[in-house]
Each structure stands twice: as C-alpha cells, then as structure tokens.
Amino acid sequence: MPAPTAIEGETLMPKCLNLAFAGVLACFVVGCATQSKPTLTTSGRRIPKVRTTAYTQHEGGSGAHNAIGTYLSGRQVLSAASDWSRYPLGTRFRLMETNEEYVIDDYGNALVGTDTIDLYKPSRSEVRKWGVRYVDIDILQWGSEEESLKVLAPRSKHGCVKKMVVALEKKKGKTVAQNTSGRSGVSN
C-alpha cells in the first residue's frame, strides 16, 4: 500500500483533532452536569438526601400542639419533628425542593434513633401527597442541645425520650448519673 501523500495526511489530522476535541468537550459537559451541589452555603450547612416524612395534627399524639406546648405551625415557618439528638430543638432549615422553611419544635417515637425529619402538613391529603421523600436541606440555624435537654429531661421516664436524653448527654460528655440529684456514686 502506498504511503499517504501530504494532502491525505492533512485530511486525516483535522478529523482526528475534531474527534479528540469532541471527546474532551463531551467529558467537560458531562463533568459540569454531574458536579454535586456545594456542601456549604452562606447561611449554613447543606445536608443532602435527608429522609423526610409528613404528619398532621389529626394523627393522634398531642393534637394541635408541639412538644414545647405551642401550636403546630403551618404558616411562614412550619413545624417539624425529629430526634433531638440529631436535629436539636430550634433547628431551622429550608427544603431545597420547595423552598419552605421549617423549625424543629416537635419529636416522635418513630423518629428516635433515625435521621428522618417529619414535616408538619395541615391536612391528611397533604401528608399522603408528601409520602417519603429524600431532599436536600439547608440548615439556617442549628438548634440548642441545652434547650432540648431542658424540655426532655422532665419527660425522660418515657423510653423514646430517655434515648434522646442519653444521646444528648453523651455528646456533652455527661452521664445520666452525674445529672441525677440525690443519688450517691457509691453502691452498696
């Protein structure tokens, strides 16, 4: 087979360069399209793929009141429930999917030991419509573990509450025995 002439070589080179350029461009576009969202925002921390469920006041529990005794909110800042050792009382966050803002002001037995956040919805139909979703949230303000303990400690005779108290105290480096008044550290 005869060697390619200069004209044939010039024709092959641009085709190879075009293919190479197209491949590099495709990788660049795909890379940009699949980049993850930033983990930090100007207002706080972004947490990806948080499991969320929904509840309403009509499901039992404390009815229209949250764990701190105020009415569940379905207004500008909505009520939400969680395990307070994971997301403490007062934690404010925004759902990236809907741009709704919530505050943790409630807890529930089924949430203890999980990272699930239960979102308050004003009706059963909205609860069913929400179902279970994994959403990105922006933490606008972390709640207070101290305030969580103040609310939970008097209720620690209940198993689910006790688990949250123990987890919160463990985070602080305390033990239940250190906080129990009237007991001696020495056993007979």
N, C-alpha and C. Protein backbone atom coordinates (compact mmCIF):
# COMPACT_ATOMS: atom_id res chain seq x y z
N MET A 1 0.85 -1.17 0.00
CA MET A 1 0.00 0.00 0.00
C MET A 1 0.89 1.23 0.00
N PRO A 2 0.63 2.18 -0.86
CA PRO A 2 1.49 3.36 -0.92
C PRO A 2 1.29 4.25 0.31
N ALA A 3 2.34 4.97 0.68
CA ALA A 3 2.29 5.90 1.81
C ALA A 3 1.36 7.06 1.48
N PRO A 4 0.65 7.57 2.48
CA PRO A 4 -0.26 8.68 2.22
C PRO A 4 0.51 9.91 1.78
N THR A 5 -0.10 10.64 0.91
CA THR A 5 0.53 11.88 0.45
C THR A 5 0.28 12.96 1.48
N ALA A 6 0.92 14.08 1.34
CA ALA A 6 0.78 15.20 2.26
C ALA A 6 -0.66 15.66 2.34
N ILE A 7 -1.36 15.65 1.21
CA ILE A 7 -2.75 16.11 1.19
C ILE A 7 -3.63 15.15 1.99
N GLU A 8 -3.44 13.83 1.83
CA GLU A 8 -4.22 12.86 2.58
C GLU A 8 -3.91 12.98 4.07
N GLY A 9 -2.67 13.17 4.47
CA GLY A 9 -2.28 13.33 5.88
C GLY A 9 -2.93 14.54 6.50
N GLU A 10 -3.01 15.64 5.73
CA GLU A 10 -3.65 16.85 6.25
C GLU A 10 -5.14 16.61 6.47
N THR A 11 -5.75 15.79 5.65
CA THR A 11 -7.16 15.49 5.80
C THR A 11 -7.40 14.62 7.03
N LEU A 12 -6.53 13.65 7.30
CA LEU A 12 -6.68 12.76 8.45
C LEU A 12 -6.46 13.50 9.76
N MET A 13 -5.52 14.40 9.81
CA MET A 13 -5.19 15.10 11.04
C MET A 13 -6.36 15.93 11.56
N PRO A 14 -7.01 16.77 10.76
CA PRO A 14 -8.13 17.54 11.29
C PRO A 14 -9.28 16.64 11.78
N LYS A 15 -9.54 15.51 11.12
CA LYS A 15 -10.59 14.61 11.58
C LYS A 15 -10.24 14.05 12.95
N CYS A 16 -8.98 13.67 13.16
CA CYS A 16 -8.55 13.15 14.45
C CYS A 16 -8.66 14.23 15.52
N LEU A 17 -8.23 15.44 15.18
CA LEU A 17 -8.33 16.54 16.13
C LEU A 17 -9.80 16.86 16.44
N ASN A 18 -10.64 16.84 15.45
CA ASN A 18 -12.07 17.10 15.67
C ASN A 18 -12.66 16.06 16.61
N LEU A 19 -12.32 14.78 16.40
CA LEU A 19 -12.82 13.73 17.28
C LEU A 19 -12.29 13.89 18.70
N ALA A 20 -11.01 14.19 18.81
CA ALA A 20 -10.42 14.39 20.13
C ALA A 20 -11.06 15.58 20.84
N PHE A 21 -11.23 16.66 20.12
CA PHE A 21 -11.86 17.86 20.67
C PHE A 21 -13.30 17.56 21.11
N ALA A 22 -14.02 16.83 20.29
CA ALA A 22 -15.41 16.46 20.62
C ALA A 22 -15.44 15.60 21.88
N GLY A 23 -14.49 14.67 22.02
CA GLY A 23 -14.43 13.82 23.21
C GLY A 23 -14.13 14.62 24.47
N VAL A 24 -13.17 15.55 24.38
CA VAL A 24 -12.83 16.41 25.51
C VAL A 24 -14.03 17.28 25.88
N LEU A 25 -14.69 17.85 24.89
CA LEU A 25 -15.85 18.69 25.13
C LEU A 25 -16.98 17.90 25.79
N ALA A 26 -17.21 16.67 25.34
CA ALA A 26 -18.24 15.82 25.92
C ALA A 26 -17.93 15.52 27.39
N CYS A 27 -16.67 15.21 27.70
CA CYS A 27 -16.28 14.94 29.08
C CYS A 27 -16.48 16.18 29.95
N PHE A 28 -16.14 17.33 29.43
CA PHE A 28 -16.31 18.58 30.17
C PHE A 28 -17.78 18.84 30.46
N VAL A 29 -18.64 18.69 29.47
CA VAL A 29 -20.07 18.93 29.65
C VAL A 29 -20.65 17.96 30.66
N VAL A 30 -20.32 16.68 30.54
CA VAL A 30 -20.83 15.68 31.47
C VAL A 30 -20.30 15.96 32.88
N GLY A 31 -19.05 16.33 32.98
CA GLY A 31 -18.48 16.65 34.29
C GLY A 31 -19.17 17.82 34.95
N CYS A 32 -19.50 18.85 34.21
CA CYS A 32 -20.20 20.01 34.76
C CYS A 32 -21.62 19.64 35.16
N ALA A 33 -22.26 18.82 34.38
CA ALA A 33 -23.65 18.45 34.65
C ALA A 33 -23.78 17.57 35.86
N THR A 34 -22.75 16.80 36.21
CA THR A 34 -22.86 15.87 37.32
C THR A 34 -22.13 16.35 38.57
N GLN A 35 -21.64 17.58 38.58
CA GLN A 35 -20.99 18.07 39.78
C GLN A 35 -22.00 18.17 40.89
N SER A 36 -21.60 17.78 42.09
CA SER A 36 -22.52 17.86 43.22
C SER A 36 -22.68 19.31 43.66
N LYS A 37 -23.77 19.55 44.35
CA LYS A 37 -24.03 20.88 44.87
C LYS A 37 -23.02 21.17 45.96
N PRO A 38 -22.73 22.43 46.23
CA PRO A 38 -21.77 22.74 47.29
C PRO A 38 -22.31 22.29 48.64
N THR A 39 -21.41 21.88 49.53
CA THR A 39 -21.84 21.42 50.83
C THR A 39 -22.04 22.57 51.80
N LEU A 40 -21.52 23.72 51.51
CA LEU A 40 -21.70 24.86 52.39
C LEU A 40 -22.44 25.96 51.66
N THR A 41 -23.30 26.64 52.36
CA THR A 41 -23.99 27.79 51.81
C THR A 41 -23.61 28.98 52.66
N THR A 42 -23.99 30.17 52.22
CA THR A 42 -23.66 31.35 53.00
C THR A 42 -24.41 31.38 54.32
N SER A 43 -25.56 30.72 54.38
CA SER A 43 -26.37 30.75 55.59
C SER A 43 -26.11 29.58 56.53
N GLY A 44 -25.46 28.54 56.09
CA GLY A 44 -25.24 27.39 56.96
C GLY A 44 -24.74 26.20 56.20
N ARG A 45 -25.18 25.04 56.61
CA ARG A 45 -24.67 23.79 56.06
C ARG A 45 -25.75 23.11 55.24
N ARG A 46 -25.38 22.60 54.08
CA ARG A 46 -26.31 21.83 53.24
C ARG A 46 -26.14 20.36 53.58
N ILE A 47 -27.28 19.70 53.81
CA ILE A 47 -27.29 18.26 54.08
C ILE A 47 -28.06 17.61 52.94
N PRO A 48 -27.39 16.77 52.16
CA PRO A 48 -28.07 16.15 51.02
C PRO A 48 -28.90 14.93 51.41
N LYS A 49 -29.93 14.70 50.66
CA LYS A 49 -30.74 13.48 50.71
C LYS A 49 -31.19 13.09 52.12
N VAL A 50 -31.82 14.03 52.81
CA VAL A 50 -32.37 13.77 54.13
C VAL A 50 -33.73 13.09 53.95
N ARG A 51 -33.95 11.99 54.66
CA ARG A 51 -35.23 11.29 54.58
C ARG A 51 -36.28 12.12 55.31
N THR A 52 -37.36 12.44 54.62
CA THR A 52 -38.45 13.21 55.23
C THR A 52 -39.76 12.45 55.06
N THR A 53 -40.59 12.59 56.07
CA THR A 53 -41.95 12.09 56.05
C THR A 53 -42.84 13.26 56.46
N ALA A 54 -44.13 13.04 56.57
CA ALA A 54 -45.03 14.13 56.95
C ALA A 54 -46.03 13.64 57.99
N TYR A 55 -46.52 14.57 58.80
CA TYR A 55 -47.53 14.26 59.80
C TYR A 55 -48.50 15.43 59.90
N THR A 56 -49.63 15.17 60.53
CA THR A 56 -50.63 16.21 60.73
C THR A 56 -51.17 16.10 62.15
N GLN A 57 -51.84 17.11 62.61
CA GLN A 57 -52.39 17.11 63.98
C GLN A 57 -53.49 16.07 64.16
N HIS A 58 -54.01 15.54 63.07
CA HIS A 58 -55.12 14.58 63.13
C HIS A 58 -54.65 13.14 63.33
N GLU A 59 -53.36 12.93 63.56
CA GLU A 59 -52.81 11.57 63.68
C GLU A 59 -52.72 11.09 65.12
N GLY A 60 -53.18 11.85 66.06
CA GLY A 60 -53.03 11.45 67.47
C GLY A 60 -51.90 12.24 68.08
N GLY A 61 -51.23 11.66 69.03
CA GLY A 61 -50.15 12.38 69.71
C GLY A 61 -50.71 13.51 70.53
N SER A 62 -50.15 14.69 70.40
CA SER A 62 -50.59 15.83 71.21
C SER A 62 -51.54 16.74 70.44
N GLY A 63 -52.10 16.26 69.37
CA GLY A 63 -53.07 17.07 68.62
C GLY A 63 -52.43 18.26 67.96
N ALA A 64 -52.99 19.43 68.22
CA ALA A 64 -52.55 20.66 67.55
C ALA A 64 -51.32 21.29 68.19
N HIS A 65 -50.80 20.67 69.25
CA HIS A 65 -49.65 21.24 69.96
C HIS A 65 -48.37 20.45 69.69
N ASN A 66 -47.25 21.17 69.68
CA ASN A 66 -45.95 20.53 69.51
C ASN A 66 -45.38 20.17 70.88
N ALA A 67 -44.16 19.70 70.92
CA ALA A 67 -43.52 19.23 72.16
C ALA A 67 -43.26 20.35 73.16
N ILE A 68 -43.22 21.59 72.70
CA ILE A 68 -42.97 22.69 73.64
C ILE A 68 -44.27 23.40 74.05
N GLY A 69 -45.41 22.83 73.62
CA GLY A 69 -46.70 23.33 74.08
C GLY A 69 -47.34 24.41 73.24
N THR A 70 -46.70 24.83 72.18
CA THR A 70 -47.30 25.84 71.30
C THR A 70 -48.00 25.13 70.14
N TYR A 71 -48.78 25.88 69.40
CA TYR A 71 -49.50 25.29 68.28
C TYR A 71 -48.54 24.90 67.15
N LEU A 72 -48.82 23.76 66.52
CA LEU A 72 -48.08 23.36 65.32
C LEU A 72 -48.28 24.45 64.28
N SER A 73 -47.23 24.80 63.60
CA SER A 73 -47.31 25.90 62.64
C SER A 73 -47.36 25.41 61.21
N GLY A 74 -48.33 25.95 60.48
CA GLY A 74 -48.43 25.71 59.06
C GLY A 74 -48.36 27.02 58.32
N ARG A 75 -47.71 28.01 58.94
CA ARG A 75 -47.64 29.35 58.35
C ARG A 75 -46.29 29.58 57.69
N GLN A 76 -45.68 30.75 57.95
CA GLN A 76 -44.42 31.10 57.29
C GLN A 76 -43.29 30.13 57.61
N VAL A 77 -43.09 29.87 58.89
CA VAL A 77 -42.10 28.88 59.30
C VAL A 77 -42.90 27.70 59.84
N LEU A 78 -42.72 26.56 59.21
CA LEU A 78 -43.53 25.38 59.50
C LEU A 78 -42.91 24.52 60.58
N SER A 79 -43.74 23.78 61.30
CA SER A 79 -43.25 22.87 62.34
C SER A 79 -42.68 21.60 61.73
N ALA A 80 -41.70 21.03 62.42
CA ALA A 80 -41.12 19.75 62.01
C ALA A 80 -40.71 18.99 63.27
N ALA A 81 -40.65 17.67 63.16
CA ALA A 81 -40.26 16.82 64.27
C ALA A 81 -39.02 16.01 63.88
N SER A 82 -38.22 15.68 64.89
CA SER A 82 -37.01 14.89 64.65
C SER A 82 -36.57 14.25 65.95
N ASP A 83 -35.52 13.45 65.87
CA ASP A 83 -34.80 13.00 67.05
C ASP A 83 -33.93 14.20 67.45
N TRP A 84 -34.19 14.76 68.62
CA TRP A 84 -33.49 15.98 69.03
C TRP A 84 -32.01 15.78 69.30
N SER A 85 -31.56 14.56 69.37
CA SER A 85 -30.12 14.35 69.50
C SER A 85 -29.44 14.42 68.13
N ARG A 86 -30.23 14.39 67.07
CA ARG A 86 -29.70 14.53 65.70
C ARG A 86 -29.92 15.95 65.18
N TYR A 87 -31.15 16.44 65.31
CA TYR A 87 -31.52 17.81 64.92
C TYR A 87 -32.18 18.41 66.16
N PRO A 88 -31.45 19.22 66.94
CA PRO A 88 -31.96 19.72 68.21
C PRO A 88 -33.14 20.70 68.06
N LEU A 89 -33.86 20.86 69.16
CA LEU A 89 -34.95 21.82 69.26
C LEU A 89 -34.48 23.19 68.77
N GLY A 90 -35.27 23.80 67.90
CA GLY A 90 -34.94 25.13 67.39
C GLY A 90 -34.16 25.14 66.09
N THR A 91 -33.78 23.97 65.58
CA THR A 91 -33.05 23.92 64.31
C THR A 91 -33.96 24.43 63.19
N ARG A 92 -33.48 25.43 62.46
CA ARG A 92 -34.24 25.98 61.34
C ARG A 92 -33.58 25.54 60.05
N PHE A 93 -34.40 25.11 59.10
CA PHE A 93 -33.86 24.64 57.83
C PHE A 93 -34.83 24.94 56.70
N ARG A 94 -34.27 24.90 55.49
CA ARG A 94 -35.07 25.13 54.28
C ARG A 94 -34.96 23.91 53.38
N LEU A 95 -36.12 23.48 52.86
CA LEU A 95 -36.14 22.40 51.88
C LEU A 95 -35.75 22.99 50.54
N MET A 96 -34.74 22.45 49.90
CA MET A 96 -34.29 22.99 48.62
C MET A 96 -35.33 22.72 47.52
N GLU A 97 -36.08 21.63 47.64
CA GLU A 97 -37.05 21.24 46.63
C GLU A 97 -38.24 22.21 46.56
N THR A 98 -38.68 22.70 47.73
CA THR A 98 -39.89 23.55 47.78
C THR A 98 -39.62 24.96 48.27
N ASN A 99 -38.45 25.19 48.82
CA ASN A 99 -38.06 26.48 49.41
C ASN A 99 -38.85 26.80 50.68
N GLU A 100 -39.52 25.80 51.26
CA GLU A 100 -40.25 26.00 52.51
C GLU A 100 -39.27 26.00 53.68
N GLU A 101 -39.57 26.82 54.68
CA GLU A 101 -38.72 26.91 55.86
C GLU A 101 -39.42 26.26 57.05
N TYR A 102 -38.66 25.44 57.78
CA TYR A 102 -39.19 24.70 58.93
C TYR A 102 -38.34 24.95 60.16
N VAL A 103 -38.93 24.68 61.33
CA VAL A 103 -38.20 24.70 62.59
C VAL A 103 -38.54 23.43 63.36
N ILE A 104 -37.53 22.82 63.95
CA ILE A 104 -37.75 21.63 64.77
C ILE A 104 -38.33 22.08 66.11
N ASP A 105 -39.60 21.71 66.35
CA ASP A 105 -40.25 22.05 67.61
C ASP A 105 -41.05 20.87 68.15
N ASP A 106 -40.81 19.69 67.59
CA ASP A 106 -41.57 18.50 67.98
C ASP A 106 -40.68 17.27 67.83
N TYR A 107 -41.09 16.17 68.43
CA TYR A 107 -40.39 14.89 68.26
C TYR A 107 -41.44 13.79 68.22
N GLY A 108 -41.02 12.61 67.81
CA GLY A 108 -41.94 11.48 67.75
C GLY A 108 -41.22 10.18 68.01
N ASN A 109 -41.94 9.21 68.57
CA ASN A 109 -41.35 7.91 68.91
C ASN A 109 -40.64 7.27 67.74
N ALA A 110 -41.26 7.29 66.57
CA ALA A 110 -40.70 6.60 65.40
C ALA A 110 -39.45 7.29 64.86
N LEU A 111 -39.18 8.51 65.28
CA LEU A 111 -38.03 9.26 64.78
C LEU A 111 -36.76 9.03 65.60
N VAL A 112 -36.92 8.56 66.82
CA VAL A 112 -35.78 8.40 67.72
C VAL A 112 -34.83 7.34 67.15
N GLY A 113 -33.56 7.71 67.07
CA GLY A 113 -32.54 6.82 66.53
C GLY A 113 -32.40 6.90 65.02
N THR A 114 -33.14 7.81 64.39
CA THR A 114 -33.07 7.96 62.93
C THR A 114 -32.67 9.39 62.57
N ASP A 115 -32.31 9.60 61.32
CA ASP A 115 -32.03 10.94 60.81
C ASP A 115 -33.23 11.50 60.05
N THR A 116 -34.38 10.86 60.18
CA THR A 116 -35.59 11.30 59.49
C THR A 116 -36.15 12.56 60.12
N ILE A 117 -36.63 13.46 59.28
CA ILE A 117 -37.35 14.65 59.74
C ILE A 117 -38.80 14.50 59.28
N ASP A 118 -39.71 14.71 60.22
CA ASP A 118 -41.15 14.61 59.95
C ASP A 118 -41.68 16.04 59.79
N LEU A 119 -42.23 16.35 58.64
CA LEU A 119 -42.69 17.70 58.32
C LEU A 119 -44.18 17.85 58.61
N TYR A 120 -44.54 18.91 59.31
CA TYR A 120 -45.96 19.15 59.61
C TYR A 120 -46.68 19.60 58.35
N LYS A 121 -47.82 18.98 58.10
CA LYS A 121 -48.71 19.36 57.00
C LYS A 121 -50.10 19.57 57.59
N PRO A 122 -50.84 20.56 57.12
CA PRO A 122 -52.13 20.87 57.74
C PRO A 122 -53.25 19.86 57.45
N SER A 123 -53.09 18.97 56.49
CA SER A 123 -54.18 18.04 56.18
C SER A 123 -53.63 16.65 55.87
N ARG A 124 -54.49 15.65 56.03
CA ARG A 124 -54.11 14.28 55.71
C ARG A 124 -53.78 14.10 54.24
N SER A 125 -54.50 14.81 53.38
CA SER A 125 -54.23 14.68 51.94
C SER A 125 -52.83 15.19 51.60
N GLU A 126 -52.39 16.26 52.28
CA GLU A 126 -51.03 16.76 52.05
C GLU A 126 -49.98 15.80 52.59
N VAL A 127 -50.30 15.12 53.69
CA VAL A 127 -49.40 14.11 54.24
C VAL A 127 -49.24 12.97 53.24
N ARG A 128 -50.36 12.48 52.70
CA ARG A 128 -50.30 11.39 51.71
C ARG A 128 -49.56 11.85 50.45
N LYS A 129 -49.81 13.08 50.03
CA LYS A 129 -49.15 13.61 48.83
C LYS A 129 -47.63 13.68 49.04
N TRP A 130 -47.20 14.05 50.23
CA TRP A 130 -45.76 14.15 50.51
C TRP A 130 -45.13 12.76 50.53
N GLY A 131 -45.73 11.82 51.22
CA GLY A 131 -45.18 10.46 51.31
C GLY A 131 -43.83 10.45 52.00
N VAL A 132 -42.88 9.76 51.42
CA VAL A 132 -41.49 9.73 51.89
C VAL A 132 -40.65 10.32 50.77
N ARG A 133 -39.89 11.34 51.10
CA ARG A 133 -39.00 11.96 50.11
C ARG A 133 -37.62 12.16 50.70
N TYR A 134 -36.63 12.02 49.85
CA TYR A 134 -35.25 12.31 50.21
C TYR A 134 -34.91 13.65 49.58
N VAL A 135 -34.68 14.64 50.43
CA VAL A 135 -34.49 16.01 49.93
C VAL A 135 -33.22 16.62 50.51
N ASP A 136 -32.68 17.58 49.79
CA ASP A 136 -31.56 18.37 50.28
C ASP A 136 -32.12 19.48 51.16
N ILE A 137 -31.47 19.71 52.30
CA ILE A 137 -31.89 20.81 53.16
C ILE A 137 -30.71 21.73 53.44
N ASP A 138 -31.00 22.99 53.62
CA ASP A 138 -30.02 23.96 54.09
C ASP A 138 -30.33 24.27 55.54
N ILE A 139 -29.36 24.05 56.41
CA ILE A 139 -29.53 24.41 57.81
C ILE A 139 -29.33 25.92 57.91
N LEU A 140 -30.34 26.61 58.37
CA LEU A 140 -30.26 28.06 58.52
C LEU A 140 -29.73 28.44 59.89
N GLN A 141 -30.09 27.61 60.89
CA GLN A 141 -29.61 27.84 62.26
C GLN A 141 -29.73 26.53 63.02
N TRP A 142 -28.64 26.10 63.64
CA TRP A 142 -28.70 24.88 64.46
C TRP A 142 -29.43 25.21 65.74
N GLY A 143 -30.21 24.24 66.19
CA GLY A 143 -30.92 24.39 67.46
C GLY A 143 -29.98 24.21 68.63
N SER A 144 -30.58 24.20 69.81
CA SER A 144 -29.80 24.12 71.04
C SER A 144 -29.95 22.75 71.70
N GLU A 145 -28.83 22.09 71.92
CA GLU A 145 -28.85 20.83 72.65
C GLU A 145 -29.23 21.08 74.10
N GLU A 146 -28.80 22.22 74.66
CA GLU A 146 -29.15 22.58 76.04
C GLU A 146 -30.66 22.75 76.19
N GLU A 147 -31.28 23.49 75.27
CA GLU A 147 -32.73 23.69 75.33
C GLU A 147 -33.46 22.36 75.12
N SER A 148 -32.93 21.53 74.24
CA SER A 148 -33.51 20.20 74.03
C SER A 148 -33.52 19.41 75.34
N LEU A 149 -32.39 19.43 76.04
CA LEU A 149 -32.30 18.71 77.32
C LEU A 149 -33.25 19.29 78.36
N LYS A 150 -33.41 20.60 78.40
CA LYS A 150 -34.32 21.23 79.37
C LYS A 150 -35.75 20.75 79.17
N VAL A 151 -36.16 20.61 77.93
CA VAL A 151 -37.51 20.15 77.63
C VAL A 151 -37.64 18.65 77.86
N LEU A 152 -36.63 17.89 77.46
CA LEU A 152 -36.72 16.44 77.50
C LEU A 152 -36.50 15.83 78.89
N ALA A 153 -35.60 16.39 79.68
CA ALA A 153 -35.23 15.79 80.97
C ALA A 153 -36.43 15.46 81.86
N PRO A 154 -37.38 16.36 82.06
CA PRO A 154 -38.53 16.02 82.90
C PRO A 154 -39.41 14.90 82.33
N ARG A 155 -39.25 14.59 81.07
CA ARG A 155 -40.07 13.57 80.40
C ARG A 155 -39.31 12.26 80.20
N SER A 156 -38.14 12.13 80.79
CA SER A 156 -37.26 11.00 80.47
C SER A 156 -37.74 9.66 81.01
N LYS A 157 -38.89 9.62 81.67
CA LYS A 157 -39.45 8.32 82.08
C LYS A 157 -39.99 7.57 80.86
N HIS A 158 -40.24 8.29 79.77
CA HIS A 158 -40.69 7.66 78.53
C HIS A 158 -39.47 7.16 77.77
N GLY A 159 -39.54 5.93 77.29
CA GLY A 159 -38.39 5.28 76.64
C GLY A 159 -37.78 6.06 75.49
N CYS A 160 -38.62 6.59 74.59
CA CYS A 160 -38.07 7.31 73.43
C CYS A 160 -37.37 8.60 73.87
N VAL A 161 -37.93 9.26 74.88
CA VAL A 161 -37.32 10.50 75.37
C VAL A 161 -36.00 10.19 76.07
N LYS A 162 -35.99 9.14 76.84
CA LYS A 162 -34.76 8.74 77.55
C LYS A 162 -33.63 8.49 76.57
N LYS A 163 -33.92 7.84 75.44
CA LYS A 163 -32.89 7.58 74.43
C LYS A 163 -32.31 8.89 73.90
N MET A 164 -33.16 9.89 73.66
CA MET A 164 -32.66 11.19 73.17
C MET A 164 -31.82 11.87 74.25
N VAL A 165 -32.28 11.82 75.51
CA VAL A 165 -31.54 12.44 76.61
C VAL A 165 -30.16 11.80 76.74
N VAL A 166 -30.11 10.48 76.72
CA VAL A 166 -28.83 9.76 76.85
C VAL A 166 -27.90 10.17 75.70
N ALA A 167 -28.43 10.22 74.47
CA ALA A 167 -27.60 10.59 73.32
C ALA A 167 -27.10 12.03 73.43
N LEU A 168 -27.95 12.94 73.89
CA LEU A 168 -27.54 14.34 74.06
C LEU A 168 -26.49 14.48 75.15
N GLU A 169 -26.68 13.77 76.26
CA GLU A 169 -25.71 13.84 77.35
C GLU A 169 -24.38 13.24 76.94
N LYS A 170 -24.43 12.18 76.15
CA LYS A 170 -23.20 11.55 75.65
C LYS A 170 -22.42 12.55 74.80
N LYS A 171 -23.14 13.31 73.97
CA LYS A 171 -22.48 14.33 73.15
C LYS A 171 -21.78 15.36 74.02
N LYS A 172 -22.39 15.69 75.13
CA LYS A 172 -21.82 16.69 76.03
C LYS A 172 -20.77 16.12 76.97
N GLY A 173 -20.63 14.78 76.98
CA GLY A 173 -19.64 14.16 77.85
C GLY A 173 -20.16 13.92 79.25
N LYS A 174 -21.46 14.05 79.45
CA LYS A 174 -22.05 13.81 80.76
C LYS A 174 -22.67 12.42 80.78
N THR A 175 -22.99 11.97 81.97
CA THR A 175 -23.73 10.72 82.10
C THR A 175 -25.02 11.02 82.84
N VAL A 176 -25.97 10.12 82.75
CA VAL A 176 -27.24 10.29 83.45
C VAL A 176 -26.99 10.35 84.96
N ALA A 177 -26.04 9.56 85.45
CA ALA A 177 -25.75 9.53 86.89
C ALA A 177 -25.25 10.88 87.39
N GLN A 178 -24.49 11.60 86.59
CA GLN A 178 -23.98 12.90 87.01
C GLN A 178 -25.10 13.92 87.17
N ASN A 179 -26.15 13.77 86.42
CA ASN A 179 -27.25 14.73 86.46
C ASN A 179 -28.38 14.33 87.38
N THR A 180 -28.31 13.16 87.97
CA THR A 180 -29.38 12.70 88.85
C THR A 180 -29.08 13.20 90.25
N SER A 181 -29.95 14.03 90.77
CA SER A 181 -29.72 14.58 92.10
C SER A 181 -30.16 13.58 93.16
N GLY A 182 -29.52 13.64 94.32
CA GLY A 182 -29.90 12.80 95.44
C GLY A 182 -29.36 11.38 95.40
N ARG A 183 -28.58 11.04 94.40
CA ARG A 183 -28.01 9.68 94.34
C ARG A 183 -26.54 9.71 94.63
N SER A 184 -26.09 8.74 95.30
CA SER A 184 -24.67 8.62 95.59
C SER A 184 -23.99 7.85 94.48
N GLY A 185 -22.75 8.17 94.19
CA GLY A 185 -22.00 7.47 93.16
C GLY A 185 -21.50 6.11 93.66
N VAL A 186 -21.65 5.83 94.96
CA VAL A 186 -21.17 4.59 95.54
C VAL A 186 -22.36 3.65 95.75
N SER A 187 -22.23 2.42 95.33
CA SER A 187 -23.31 1.45 95.54
C SER A 187 -22.93 0.49 96.65
N ASN A 188 -23.92 -0.01 97.33
CA ASN A 188 -23.66 -0.96 98.42
C ASN A 188 -23.45 -2.33 97.93
